[in-house]
Amino acid sequence: LPDSFETEEQAGEFWDTHSTMDYQEYLQPTDDTIEISERVFEV
């Protein structure tokens, strides 16, 4: 797991090809709430 990513694009490219399940030891619980403000639909 890289220490950091230079850009959001680099982070996205990494996580597009890797599973968080392989890095569970680095995950930390959080009380953060994610508010979904916009939905996108496929047509």
All heavy atoms as atom14 arrays in JSON, in Angstrom:
{
  "sequence": "LPDSFETEEQAGEFWDTHSTMDYQEYLQPTDDTIEISERVFEV",
  "atom14_mask": [
    [1, 1, 1, 1, 1, 1, 1, 1, 0, 0, 0, 0, 0, 0],
    [1, 1, 1, 1, 1, 1, 1, 0, 0, 0, 0, 0, 0, 0],
    [1, 1, 1, 1, 1, 1, 1, 1, 0, 0, 0, 0, 0, 0],
    [1, 1, 1, 1, 1, 1, 0, 0, 0, 0, 0, 0, 0, 0],
    [1, 1, 1, 1, 1, 1, 1, 1, 1, 1, 1, 0, 0, 0],
    [1, 1, 1, 1, 1, 1, 1, 1, 1, 0, 0, 0, 0, 0],
    [1, 1, 1, 1, 1, 1, 1, 0, 0, 0, 0, 0, 0, 0],
    [1, 1, 1, 1, 1, 1, 1, 1, 1, 0, 0, 0, 0, 0],
    [1, 1, 1, 1, 1, 1, 1, 1, 1, 0, 0, 0, 0, 0],
    [1, 1, 1, 1, 1, 1, 1, 1, 1, 0, 0, 0, 0, 0],
    [1, 1, 1, 1, 1, 0, 0, 0, 0, 0, 0, 0, 0, 0],
    [1, 1, 1, 1, 0, 0, 0, 0, 0, 0, 0, 0, 0, 0],
    [1, 1, 1, 1, 1, 1, 1, 1, 1, 0, 0, 0, 0, 0],
    [1, 1, 1, 1, 1, 1, 1, 1, 1, 1, 1, 0, 0, 0],
    [1, 1, 1, 1, 1, 1, 1, 1, 1, 1, 1, 1, 1, 1],
    [1, 1, 1, 1, 1, 1, 1, 1, 0, 0, 0, 0, 0, 0],
    [1, 1, 1, 1, 1, 1, 1, 0, 0, 0, 0, 0, 0, 0],
    [1, 1, 1, 1, 1, 1, 1, 1, 1, 1, 0, 0, 0, 0],
    [1, 1, 1, 1, 1, 1, 0, 0, 0, 0, 0, 0, 0, 0],
    [1, 1, 1, 1, 1, 1, 1, 0, 0, 0, 0, 0, 0, 0],
    [1, 1, 1, 1, 1, 1, 1, 1, 0, 0, 0, 0, 0, 0],
    [1, 1, 1, 1, 1, 1, 1, 1, 0, 0, 0, 0, 0, 0],
    [1, 1, 1, 1, 1, 1, 1, 1, 1, 1, 1, 1, 0, 0],
    [1, 1, 1, 1, 1, 1, 1, 1, 1, 0, 0, 0, 0, 0],
    [1, 1, 1, 1, 1, 1, 1, 1, 1, 0, 0, 0, 0, 0],
    [1, 1, 1, 1, 1, 1, 1, 1, 1, 1, 1, 1, 0, 0],
    [1, 1, 1, 1, 1, 1, 1, 1, 0, 0, 0, 0, 0, 0],
    [1, 1, 1, 1, 1, 1, 1, 1, 1, 0, 0, 0, 0, 0],
    [1, 1, 1, 1, 1, 1, 1, 0, 0, 0, 0, 0, 0, 0],
    [1, 1, 1, 1, 1, 1, 1, 0, 0, 0, 0, 0, 0, 0],
    [1, 1, 1, 1, 1, 1, 1, 1, 0, 0, 0, 0, 0, 0],
    [1, 1, 1, 1, 1, 1, 1, 1, 0, 0, 0, 0, 0, 0],
    [1, 1, 1, 1, 1, 1, 1, 0, 0, 0, 0, 0, 0, 0],
    [1, 1, 1, 1, 1, 1, 1, 1, 0, 0, 0, 0, 0, 0],
    [1, 1, 1, 1, 1, 1, 1, 1, 1, 0, 0, 0, 0, 0],
    [1, 1, 1, 1, 1, 1, 1, 1, 0, 0, 0, 0, 0, 0],
    [1, 1, 1, 1, 1, 1, 0, 0, 0, 0, 0, 0, 0, 0],
    [1, 1, 1, 1, 1, 1, 1, 1, 1, 0, 0, 0, 0, 0],
    [1, 1, 1, 1, 1, 1, 1, 1, 1, 1, 1, 0, 0, 0],
    [1, 1, 1, 1, 1, 1, 1, 0, 0, 0, 0, 0, 0, 0],
    [1, 1, 1, 1, 1, 1, 1, 1, 1, 1, 1, 0, 0, 0],
    [1, 1, 1, 1, 1, 1, 1, 1, 1, 0, 0, 0, 0, 0],
    [1, 1, 1, 1, 1, 1, 1, 0, 0, 0, 0, 0, 0, 0]
  ],
  "atom14_positions": [
    [[0.85, -1.19, 0.0], [0.0, 0.0, 0.0], [0.89, 1.24, 0.0], [1.74, 1.4, 0.88], [-0.89, 0.0, 1.24], [-1.87, 1.15, 1.37], [-2.9, 1.11, 0.23], [-2.6, 1.09, 2.7], [0.0, 0.0, 0.0], [0.0, 0.0, 0.0], [0.0, 0.0, 0.0], [0.0, 0.0, 0.0], [0.0, 0.0, 0.0], [0.0, 0.0, 0.0]],
    [[0.73, 2.12, -0.98], [1.55, 3.35, -1.01], [1.3, 4.19, 0.24], [0.2, 4.2, 0.8], [1.06, 4.07, -2.26], [0.44, 3.01, -3.11], [-0.14, 2.02, -2.15], [0.0, 0.0, 0.0], [0.0, 0.0, 0.0], [0.0, 0.0, 0.0], [0.0, 0.0, 0.0], [0.0, 0.0, 0.0], [0.0, 0.0, 0.0], [0.0, 0.0, 0.0]],
    [[2.33, 4.9, 0.69], [2.18, 5.8, 1.84], [1.21, 6.91, 1.53], [0.47, 7.37, 2.39], [3.53, 6.4, 2.24], [4.48, 5.36, 2.84], [3.97, 4.39, 3.45], [5.69, 5.5, 2.66], [0.0, 0.0, 0.0], [0.0, 0.0, 0.0], [0.0, 0.0, 0.0], [0.0, 0.0, 0.0], [0.0, 0.0, 0.0], [0.0, 0.0, 0.0]],
    [[1.22, 7.37, 0.27], [0.31, 8.43, -0.15], [0.22, 8.41, -1.68], [0.99, 7.73, -2.34], [0.8, 9.8, 0.33], [2.03, 10.11, -0.28], [0.0, 0.0, 0.0], [0.0, 0.0, 0.0], [0.0, 0.0, 0.0], [0.0, 0.0, 0.0], [0.0, 0.0, 0.0], [0.0, 0.0, 0.0], [0.0, 0.0, 0.0], [0.0, 0.0, 0.0]],
    [[-0.73, 9.17, -2.19], [-0.9, 9.32, -3.62], [-0.72, 10.8, -3.95], [-1.19, 11.66, -3.21], [-2.3, 8.86, -4.06], [-2.56, 7.4, -3.76], [-3.27, 7.03, -2.64], [-2.09, 6.42, -4.61], [-3.52, 5.7, -2.36], [-2.33, 5.07, -4.34], [-3.05, 4.72, -3.21], [0.0, 0.0, 0.0], [0.0, 0.0, 0.0], [0.0, 0.0, 0.0]],
    [[-0.09, 11.08, -5.08], [0.14, 12.48, -5.46], [-1.15, 13.15, -5.91], [-1.31, 14.35, -5.73], [1.2, 12.56, -6.55], [2.6, 12.23, -6.05], [3.65, 12.43, -7.11], [3.46, 13.26, -8.03], [4.7, 11.75, -7.03], [0.0, 0.0, 0.0], [0.0, 0.0, 0.0], [0.0, 0.0, 0.0], [0.0, 0.0, 0.0], [0.0, 0.0, 0.0]],
    [[-2.04, 12.38, -6.52], [-3.29, 12.95, -7.02], [-4.45, 12.01, -6.72], [-4.24, 10.82, -6.44], [-3.23, 13.18, -8.55], [-3.14, 11.89, -9.19], [-2.07, 14.07, -8.96], [0.0, 0.0, 0.0], [0.0, 0.0, 0.0], [0.0, 0.0, 0.0], [0.0, 0.0, 0.0], [0.0, 0.0, 0.0], [0.0, 0.0, 0.0], [0.0, 0.0, 0.0]],
    [[-5.66, 12.54, -6.8], [-6.85, 11.7, -6.66], [-6.91, 10.67, -7.78], [-7.37, 9.54, -7.57], [-8.11, 12.55, -6.67], [-8.28, 13.4, -5.42], [-9.53, 14.26, -5.46], [-10.35, 14.13, -6.4], [-9.7, 15.06, -4.53], [0.0, 0.0, 0.0], [0.0, 0.0, 0.0], [0.0, 0.0, 0.0], [0.0, 0.0, 0.0], [0.0, 0.0, 0.0]],
    [[-6.43, 11.05, -8.96], [-6.44, 10.13, -10.09], [-5.55, 8.92, -9.81], [-5.91, 7.79, -10.13], [-5.98, 10.84, -11.38], [-6.99, 11.82, -11.93], [-7.05, 13.16, -11.17], [-6.11, 13.49, -10.43], [-8.08, 13.85, -11.32], [0.0, 0.0, 0.0], [0.0, 0.0, 0.0], [0.0, 0.0, 0.0], [0.0, 0.0, 0.0], [0.0, 0.0, 0.0]],
    [[-4.37, 9.15, -9.21], [-3.48, 8.05, -8.88], [-4.13, 7.14, -7.85], [-4.03, 5.91, -7.95], [-2.15, 8.56, -8.34], [-1.21, 9.06, -9.4], [0.13, 9.48, -8.82], [0.27, 9.66, -7.61], [1.11, 9.65, -9.68], [0.0, 0.0, 0.0], [0.0, 0.0, 0.0], [0.0, 0.0, 0.0], [0.0, 0.0, 0.0], [0.0, 0.0, 0.0]],
    [[-4.8, 7.71, -6.88], [-5.5, 6.91, -5.88], [-6.6, 6.09, -6.55], [-6.74, 4.88, -6.28], [-6.09, 7.8, -4.8], [0.0, 0.0, 0.0], [0.0, 0.0, 0.0], [0.0, 0.0, 0.0], [0.0, 0.0, 0.0], [0.0, 0.0, 0.0], [0.0, 0.0, 0.0], [0.0, 0.0, 0.0], [0.0, 0.0, 0.0], [0.0, 0.0, 0.0]],
    [[-7.35, 6.73, -7.44], [-8.41, 6.02, -8.15], [-7.88, 4.88, -8.99], [-8.45, 3.78, -9.0], [0.0, 0.0, 0.0], [0.0, 0.0, 0.0], [0.0, 0.0, 0.0], [0.0, 0.0, 0.0], [0.0, 0.0, 0.0], [0.0, 0.0, 0.0], [0.0, 0.0, 0.0], [0.0, 0.0, 0.0], [0.0, 0.0, 0.0], [0.0, 0.0, 0.0]],
    [[-6.77, 5.11, -9.68], [-6.17, 4.06, -10.5], [-5.73, 2.88, -9.63], [-5.91, 1.72, -10.01], [-4.98, 4.61, -11.3], [-5.4, 5.53, -12.43], [-4.22, 6.24, -13.08], [-3.05, 5.91, -12.76], [-4.46, 7.12, -13.92], [0.0, 0.0, 0.0], [0.0, 0.0, 0.0], [0.0, 0.0, 0.0], [0.0, 0.0, 0.0], [0.0, 0.0, 0.0]],
    [[-5.16, 3.18, -8.47], [-4.73, 2.11, -7.57], [-5.93, 1.3, -7.11], [-5.95, 0.07, -7.21], [-3.99, 2.69, -6.36], [-3.51, 1.64, -5.4], [-2.31, 0.98, -5.59], [-4.28, 1.29, -4.29], [-1.88, 0.0, -4.7], [-3.86, 0.31, -3.39], [-2.65, -0.33, -3.61], [0.0, 0.0, 0.0], [0.0, 0.0, 0.0], [0.0, 0.0, 0.0]],
    [[-6.96, 1.99, -6.6], [-8.11, 1.28, -6.04], [-9.0, 0.66, -7.1], [-9.77, -0.25, -6.81], [-8.89, 2.18, -5.09], [-8.09, 2.45, -3.85], [-7.59, 3.64, -3.44], [-7.65, 1.49, -2.87], [-6.87, 3.49, -2.27], [-6.9, 2.18, -1.91], [-7.83, 0.11, -2.73], [-6.32, 1.53, -0.81], [-7.25, -0.53, -1.64], [-6.51, 0.18, -0.69]],
    [[-8.88, 1.08, -8.36], [-9.59, 0.42, -9.45], [-9.06, -1.0, -9.68], [-9.77, -1.86, -10.19], [-9.47, 1.2, -10.76], [-10.4, 2.4, -10.82], [-11.32, 2.49, -9.99], [-10.2, 3.24, -11.72], [0.0, 0.0, 0.0], [0.0, 0.0, 0.0], [0.0, 0.0, 0.0], [0.0, 0.0, 0.0], [0.0, 0.0, 0.0], [0.0, 0.0, 0.0]],
    [[-7.81, -1.23, -9.3], [-7.18, -2.52, -9.57], [-6.81, -3.28, -8.31], [-6.15, -4.31, -8.38], [-5.91, -2.32, -10.43], [-5.01, -1.44, -9.74], [-6.26, -1.74, -11.8], [0.0, 0.0, 0.0], [0.0, 0.0, 0.0], [0.0, 0.0, 0.0], [0.0, 0.0, 0.0], [0.0, 0.0, 0.0], [0.0, 0.0, 0.0], [0.0, 0.0, 0.0]],
    [[-7.19, -2.78, -7.15], [-6.9, -3.43, -5.88], [-8.15, -3.47, -5.01], [-9.01, -2.62, -5.14], [-5.79, -2.67, -5.14], [-4.47, -2.69, -5.85], [-4.2, -1.86, -6.91], [-3.36, -3.44, -5.65], [-2.97, -2.1, -7.34], [-2.44, -3.06, -6.6], [0.0, 0.0, 0.0], [0.0, 0.0, 0.0], [0.0, 0.0, 0.0], [0.0, 0.0, 0.0]],
    [[-8.2, -4.45, -4.13], [-9.35, -4.6, -3.24], [-8.99, -4.14, -1.83], [-7.93, -4.5, -1.3], [-9.78, -6.07, -3.18], [-10.74, -6.27, -2.17], [0.0, 0.0, 0.0], [0.0, 0.0, 0.0], [0.0, 0.0, 0.0], [0.0, 0.0, 0.0], [0.0, 0.0, 0.0], [0.0, 0.0, 0.0], [0.0, 0.0, 0.0], [0.0, 0.0, 0.0]],
    [[-9.89, -3.39, -1.22], [-9.66, -2.98, 0.18], [-9.6, -4.2, 1.09], [-9.0, -4.14, 2.16], [-10.76, -2.02, 0.68], [-12.04, -2.64, 0.49], [-10.71, -0.7, -0.04], [0.0, 0.0, 0.0], [0.0, 0.0, 0.0], [0.0, 0.0, 0.0], [0.0, 0.0, 0.0], [0.0, 0.0, 0.0], [0.0, 0.0, 0.0], [0.0, 0.0, 0.0]],
    [[-10.21, -5.3, 0.66], [-10.18, -6.52, 1.48], [-8.76, -7.04, 1.65], [-8.47, -7.73, 2.64], [-11.07, -7.6, 0.85], [-12.54, -7.22, 0.79], [-13.23, -6.69, 2.38], [-13.17, -8.21, 3.28], [0.0, 0.0, 0.0], [0.0, 0.0, 0.0], [0.0, 0.0, 0.0], [0.0, 0.0, 0.0], [0.0, 0.0, 0.0], [0.0, 0.0, 0.0]],
    [[-7.87, -6.7, 0.74], [-6.46, -7.12, 0.85], [-5.67, -6.22, 1.78], [-4.51, -6.52, 2.09], [-5.8, -7.11, -0.54], [-6.37, -8.19, -1.45], [-6.85, -9.22, -0.95], [-6.33, -7.98, -2.68], [0.0, 0.0, 0.0], [0.0, 0.0, 0.0], [0.0, 0.0, 0.0], [0.0, 0.0, 0.0], [0.0, 0.0, 0.0], [0.0, 0.0, 0.0]],
    [[-6.27, -5.13, 2.25], [-5.55, -4.14, 3.07], [-6.3, -3.85, 4.36], [-6.2, -2.77, 4.92], [-5.35, -2.85, 2.25], [-4.55, -3.08, 0.99], [-5.18, -3.38, -0.21], [-3.16, -3.05, 1.01], [-4.45, -3.62, -1.36], [-2.42, -3.29, -0.13], [-3.07, -3.58, -1.32], [-2.34, -3.81, -2.46], [0.0, 0.0, 0.0], [0.0, 0.0, 0.0]],
    [[-7.04, -4.84, 4.86], [-7.86, -4.64, 6.06], [-7.04, -4.2, 7.27], [-7.54, -3.46, 8.11], [-8.63, -5.91, 6.39], [-9.72, -6.21, 5.38], [-10.53, -7.42, 5.78], [-10.99, -7.49, 6.9], [-10.69, -8.35, 4.86], [0.0, 0.0, 0.0], [0.0, 0.0, 0.0], [0.0, 0.0, 0.0], [0.0, 0.0, 0.0], [0.0, 0.0, 0.0]],
    [[-5.81, -4.63, 7.34], [-4.97, -4.28, 8.49], [-4.72, -2.77, 8.58], [-4.37, -2.25, 9.64], [-3.63, -5.02, 8.43], [-2.77, -4.55, 7.26], [-1.87, -5.63, 6.72], [-2.38, -6.66, 6.27], [-0.64, -5.41, 6.75], [0.0, 0.0, 0.0], [0.0, 0.0, 0.0], [0.0, 0.0, 0.0], [0.0, 0.0, 0.0], [0.0, 0.0, 0.0]],
    [[-4.9, -2.05, 7.48], [-4.67, -0.61, 7.45], [-5.95, 0.19, 7.71], [-5.9, 1.41, 7.87], [-4.09, -0.18, 6.1], [-2.76, -0.83, 5.79], [-2.69, -1.91, 4.92], [-1.59, -0.37, 6.37], [-1.48, -2.52, 4.63], [-0.36, -0.97, 6.1], [-0.32, -2.05, 5.22], [0.88, -2.64, 4.94], [0.0, 0.0, 0.0], [0.0, 0.0, 0.0]],
    [[-7.09, -0.48, 7.69], [-8.36, 0.22, 7.86], [-8.61, 0.54, 9.32], [-8.24, -0.22, 10.2], [-9.51, -0.64, 7.3], [-9.41, -1.01, 5.83], [-10.59, -1.9, 5.44], [-9.37, 0.23, 4.96], [0.0, 0.0, 0.0], [0.0, 0.0, 0.0], [0.0, 0.0, 0.0], [0.0, 0.0, 0.0], [0.0, 0.0, 0.0], [0.0, 0.0, 0.0]],
    [[-9.23, 1.69, 9.55], [-9.56, 2.11, 10.9], [-11.04, 2.46, 10.96], [-11.57, 3.08, 10.04], [-8.74, 3.34, 11.3], [-7.25, 3.11, 11.31], [-6.48, 4.38, 11.62], [-7.05, 5.43, 11.85], [-5.17, 4.27, 11.6], [0.0, 0.0, 0.0], [0.0, 0.0, 0.0], [0.0, 0.0, 0.0], [0.0, 0.0, 0.0], [0.0, 0.0, 0.0]],
    [[-11.7, 2.07, 12.05], [-13.12, 2.42, 12.17], [-13.29, 3.94, 12.28], [-12.4, 4.65, 12.77], [-13.57, 1.74, 13.46], [-12.37, 1.11, 14.06], [-11.21, 1.32, 13.16], [0.0, 0.0, 0.0], [0.0, 0.0, 0.0], [0.0, 0.0, 0.0], [0.0, 0.0, 0.0], [0.0, 0.0, 0.0], [0.0, 0.0, 0.0], [0.0, 0.0, 0.0]],
    [[-14.42, 4.41, 11.83], [-14.7, 5.84, 11.88], [-16.18, 6.06, 12.14], [-17.01, 5.19, 11.85], [-14.28, 6.53, 10.56], [-14.57, 7.91, 10.67], [-15.0, 5.95, 9.38], [0.0, 0.0, 0.0], [0.0, 0.0, 0.0], [0.0, 0.0, 0.0], [0.0, 0.0, 0.0], [0.0, 0.0, 0.0], [0.0, 0.0, 0.0], [0.0, 0.0, 0.0]],
    [[-16.5, 7.2, 12.69], [-17.9, 7.56, 12.92], [-18.39, 8.53, 11.85], [-19.47, 9.09, 11.98], [-18.06, 8.21, 14.3], [-17.84, 7.21, 15.42], [-18.18, 6.02, 15.23], [-17.34, 7.6, 16.49], [0.0, 0.0, 0.0], [0.0, 0.0, 0.0], [0.0, 0.0, 0.0], [0.0, 0.0, 0.0], [0.0, 0.0, 0.0], [0.0, 0.0, 0.0]],
    [[-17.59, 8.71, 10.79], [-17.96, 9.64, 9.73], [-19.26, 9.18, 9.06], [-19.53, 8.0, 8.92], [-16.87, 9.73, 8.67], [-15.61, 10.4, 9.19], [-15.66, 11.01, 10.27], [-14.57, 10.3, 8.53], [0.0, 0.0, 0.0], [0.0, 0.0, 0.0], [0.0, 0.0, 0.0], [0.0, 0.0, 0.0], [0.0, 0.0, 0.0], [0.0, 0.0, 0.0]],
    [[-20.03, 10.16, 8.65], [-21.26, 9.9, 7.91], [-21.1, 10.49, 6.52], [-20.66, 11.63, 6.38], [-22.48, 10.56, 8.6], [-22.57, 10.04, 9.94], [-23.75, 10.27, 7.85], [0.0, 0.0, 0.0], [0.0, 0.0, 0.0], [0.0, 0.0, 0.0], [0.0, 0.0, 0.0], [0.0, 0.0, 0.0], [0.0, 0.0, 0.0], [0.0, 0.0, 0.0]],
    [[-21.46, 9.71, 5.53], [-21.38, 10.19, 4.15], [-22.79, 10.57, 3.72], [-23.7, 9.75, 3.75], [-20.81, 9.11, 3.22], [-19.38, 8.76, 3.64], [-20.85, 9.57, 1.77], [-18.79, 7.59, 2.9], [0.0, 0.0, 0.0], [0.0, 0.0, 0.0], [0.0, 0.0, 0.0], [0.0, 0.0, 0.0], [0.0, 0.0, 0.0], [0.0, 0.0, 0.0]],
    [[-22.94, 11.81, 3.33], [-24.23, 12.3, 2.84], [-24.22, 12.23, 1.32], [-23.36, 12.82, 0.67], [-24.47, 13.75, 3.28], [-24.59, 13.92, 4.79], [-25.85, 13.31, 5.37], [-26.86, 13.23, 4.65], [-25.8, 12.91, 6.55], [0.0, 0.0, 0.0], [0.0, 0.0, 0.0], [0.0, 0.0, 0.0], [0.0, 0.0, 0.0], [0.0, 0.0, 0.0]],
    [[-25.14, 11.5, 0.76], [-25.26, 11.43, -0.7], [-26.18, 12.55, -1.13], [-27.36, 12.57, -0.81], [-25.81, 10.06, -1.14], [-24.85, 8.96, -0.68], [-26.03, 10.03, -2.64], [-25.34, 7.56, -0.92], [0.0, 0.0, 0.0], [0.0, 0.0, 0.0], [0.0, 0.0, 0.0], [0.0, 0.0, 0.0], [0.0, 0.0, 0.0], [0.0, 0.0, 0.0]],
    [[-25.6, 13.52, -1.83], [-26.37, 14.71, -2.2], [-26.9, 14.64, -3.63], [-27.74, 15.43, -4.01], [-25.51, 15.95, -2.03], [-24.38, 15.87, -2.86], [0.0, 0.0, 0.0], [0.0, 0.0, 0.0], [0.0, 0.0, 0.0], [0.0, 0.0, 0.0], [0.0, 0.0, 0.0], [0.0, 0.0, 0.0], [0.0, 0.0, 0.0], [0.0, 0.0, 0.0]],
    [[-26.4, 13.7, -4.4], [-26.82, 13.61, -5.79], [-26.78, 12.15, -6.23], [-25.86, 11.42, -5.9], [-25.88, 14.43, -6.67], [-26.28, 14.51, -8.1], [-25.35, 15.41, -8.91], [-25.04, 16.51, -8.46], [-24.94, 14.98, -9.99], [0.0, 0.0, 0.0], [0.0, 0.0, 0.0], [0.0, 0.0, 0.0], [0.0, 0.0, 0.0], [0.0, 0.0, 0.0]],
    [[-27.79, 11.76, -6.96], [-27.83, 10.41, -7.51], [-27.67, 10.49, -9.02], [-28.11, 11.44, -9.65], [-29.14, 9.72, -7.15], [-29.26, 9.47, -5.66], [-30.57, 8.85, -5.3], [-30.69, 7.51, -5.9], [-31.77, 6.77, -5.82], [-32.83, 7.21, -5.17], [-31.81, 5.58, -6.37], [0.0, 0.0, 0.0], [0.0, 0.0, 0.0], [0.0, 0.0, 0.0]],
    [[-27.07, 9.47, -9.58], [-26.87, 9.39, -11.01], [-27.53, 8.1, -11.5], [-27.4, 7.06, -10.87], [-25.36, 9.39, -11.37], [-25.16, 9.22, -12.86], [-24.7, 10.66, -10.86], [0.0, 0.0, 0.0], [0.0, 0.0, 0.0], [0.0, 0.0, 0.0], [0.0, 0.0, 0.0], [0.0, 0.0, 0.0], [0.0, 0.0, 0.0], [0.0, 0.0, 0.0]],
    [[-28.23, 8.18, -12.61], [-28.95, 7.04, -13.15], [-28.44, 6.69, -14.53], [-28.02, 7.57, -15.29], [-30.45, 7.35, -13.24], [-31.06, 7.65, -11.9], [-31.09, 8.94, -11.41], [-31.59, 6.63, -11.13], [-31.64, 9.23, -10.17], [-32.15, 6.9, -9.88], [-32.18, 8.2, -9.4], [0.0, 0.0, 0.0], [0.0, 0.0, 0.0], [0.0, 0.0, 0.0]],
    [[-28.48, 5.42, -14.87], [-28.12, 4.98, -16.2], [-29.39, 4.87, -17.03], [-30.42, 4.44, -16.53], [-27.44, 3.62, -16.15], [-26.07, 3.68, -15.55], [-25.36, 2.33, -15.61], [-25.72, 1.51, -16.5], [-24.48, 2.11, -14.8], [0.0, 0.0, 0.0], [0.0, 0.0, 0.0], [0.0, 0.0, 0.0], [0.0, 0.0, 0.0], [0.0, 0.0, 0.0]],
    [[-29.3, 5.26, -18.28], [-30.42, 5.16, -19.2], [-29.91, 4.51, -20.48], [-28.87, 4.89, -21.0], [-31.0, 6.57, -19.52], [-32.12, 6.47, -20.52], [-31.46, 7.25, -18.25], [0.0, 0.0, 0.0], [0.0, 0.0, 0.0], [0.0, 0.0, 0.0], [0.0, 0.0, 0.0], [0.0, 0.0, 0.0], [0.0, 0.0, 0.0], [0.0, 0.0, 0.0]]
  ]
}
